[in-house]
């Protein structure tokens, strides 16, 4: 989400999708479901979301240790656990 390239977010009743211009990555966020039993190792982790009012809370686990935190090359382990929050500011902007 920190790269200076556009992305598109779309939603169905069961999933939220994120399409990234950078390396044509696709991310699927399953709504109101549990993470599969691990250990699993995915490049972008396993994303599970739920709505709290106007805020989408996304819990991400099961990362591999091959990706970076940033463009400077700072790494993480496969124990990374990420919680994201997406809130609407107005009809054209999100707070991440």
Protein backbone atom coordinates (compact mmCIF):
# COMPACT_ATOMS: atom_id res chain seq x y z
CA UNK A 1 0.00 0.00 0.00
CA UNK A 2 3.00 2.32 0.39
CA UNK A 3 4.24 2.20 -3.20
CA UNK A 4 3.46 5.18 -5.44
CA UNK A 5 1.40 3.12 -7.88
CA UNK A 6 -2.38 3.02 -8.22
CA UNK A 7 -4.56 0.19 -7.02
CA UNK A 8 -8.25 -0.62 -7.29
CA UNK A 9 -10.50 -1.97 -4.53
CA UNK A 10 -13.78 -3.74 -5.28
CA UNK A 11 -16.26 -5.63 -3.12
CA UNK A 12 -18.72 -8.50 -3.37
CA UNK A 13 -20.83 -9.79 -0.45
CA UNK A 14 -18.20 -12.40 0.49
CA UNK A 15 -14.89 -10.86 -0.63
CA UNK A 16 -12.95 -7.64 -1.08
CA UNK A 17 -10.45 -7.60 -3.92
CA UNK A 18 -7.43 -5.36 -4.36
CA UNK A 19 -5.80 -5.08 -7.78
CA UNK A 20 -2.35 -3.51 -7.74
CA UNK A 21 -0.71 -1.95 -10.79
CA UNK A 22 2.72 -2.82 -9.37
CA UNK A 23 3.71 -6.32 -10.63
CA UNK A 24 -0.01 -6.90 -11.40
CA UNK A 25 -0.56 -8.33 -7.91
CA UNK A 26 -4.04 -9.43 -6.83
CA UNK A 27 -5.18 -9.69 -3.23
CA UNK A 28 -8.32 -11.40 -1.98
CA UNK A 29 -9.79 -10.54 1.43
CA UNK A 30 -12.40 -13.05 2.60
CA UNK A 31 -15.14 -11.47 4.73
CA UNK A 32 -16.37 -13.03 7.99
CA UNK A 33 -14.39 -16.26 7.69
CA UNK A 34 -11.53 -17.86 9.61
CA UNK A 35 -7.93 -18.34 8.58
CA UNK A 36 -7.14 -21.87 7.35
CA UNK A 37 -5.08 -24.05 9.66
CA UNK A 38 -1.37 -23.65 9.12
CA UNK A 39 1.43 -23.60 8.84
CA UNK A 40 0.99 -22.01 5.43
CA UNK A 41 3.27 -19.56 3.64
CA UNK A 42 1.80 -17.10 1.15
CA UNK A 43 3.59 -14.17 -0.51
CA UNK A 44 0.88 -11.71 0.52
CA UNK A 45 -0.39 -13.65 3.54
CA UNK A 46 -3.93 -14.87 4.11
CA UNK A 47 -6.34 -11.93 4.52
CA UNK A 48 -9.60 -12.19 6.48
CA UNK A 49 -11.81 -9.13 6.97
CA UNK A 50 -14.77 -7.97 8.97
CA UNK A 51 -16.72 -4.73 9.07
CA UNK A 52 -16.94 -2.65 12.24
CA UNK A 53 -19.29 0.16 11.26
CA UNK A 54 -17.66 2.01 8.34
CA UNK A 55 -14.24 0.46 8.99
CA UNK A 56 -12.94 -2.69 7.30
CA UNK A 57 -10.63 -4.55 9.70
CA UNK A 58 -8.30 -6.99 7.89
CA UNK A 59 -6.33 -9.63 9.80
CA UNK A 60 -3.42 -11.04 7.78
CA UNK A 61 -1.36 -14.11 8.76
CA UNK A 62 0.50 -17.00 7.07
CA UNK A 63 3.15 -14.86 5.34
CA UNK A 64 6.31 -16.40 3.96
CA UNK A 65 9.63 -14.77 4.84
CA UNK A 66 10.49 -13.74 1.27
CA UNK A 67 8.86 -10.29 1.09
CA UNK A 68 10.01 -6.90 2.34
CA UNK A 69 8.46 -4.27 4.59
CA UNK A 70 9.66 -1.49 2.32
CA UNK A 71 11.68 -0.62 -0.77
CA UNK A 72 14.83 -0.40 1.39
CA UNK A 73 14.80 -4.19 1.76
CA UNK A 74 13.86 -4.53 5.43
CA UNK A 75 12.69 -8.12 5.92
CA UNK A 76 10.29 -9.88 8.29
CA UNK A 77 9.92 -13.48 9.37
CA UNK A 78 7.10 -15.91 8.61
CA UNK A 79 5.70 -15.01 12.07
CA UNK A 80 4.46 -11.63 10.77
CA UNK A 81 0.87 -10.85 11.82
CA UNK A 82 -0.67 -7.69 10.35
CA UNK A 83 -3.92 -5.91 11.22
CA UNK A 84 -5.11 -3.25 8.76
CA UNK A 85 -7.92 -0.74 9.08
CA UNK A 86 -9.62 0.95 6.12
CA UNK A 87 -12.06 3.77 6.96
CA UNK A 88 -13.95 6.08 4.65
CA UNK A 89 -13.02 9.76 4.93
CA UNK A 90 -15.42 10.78 2.16
CA UNK A 91 -16.69 9.32 -1.12
CA UNK A 92 -13.25 9.59 -2.76
CA UNK A 93 -10.77 8.94 0.09
CA UNK A 94 -9.83 6.18 2.54
CA UNK A 95 -7.87 6.33 5.77
CA UNK A 96 -5.44 3.37 5.95
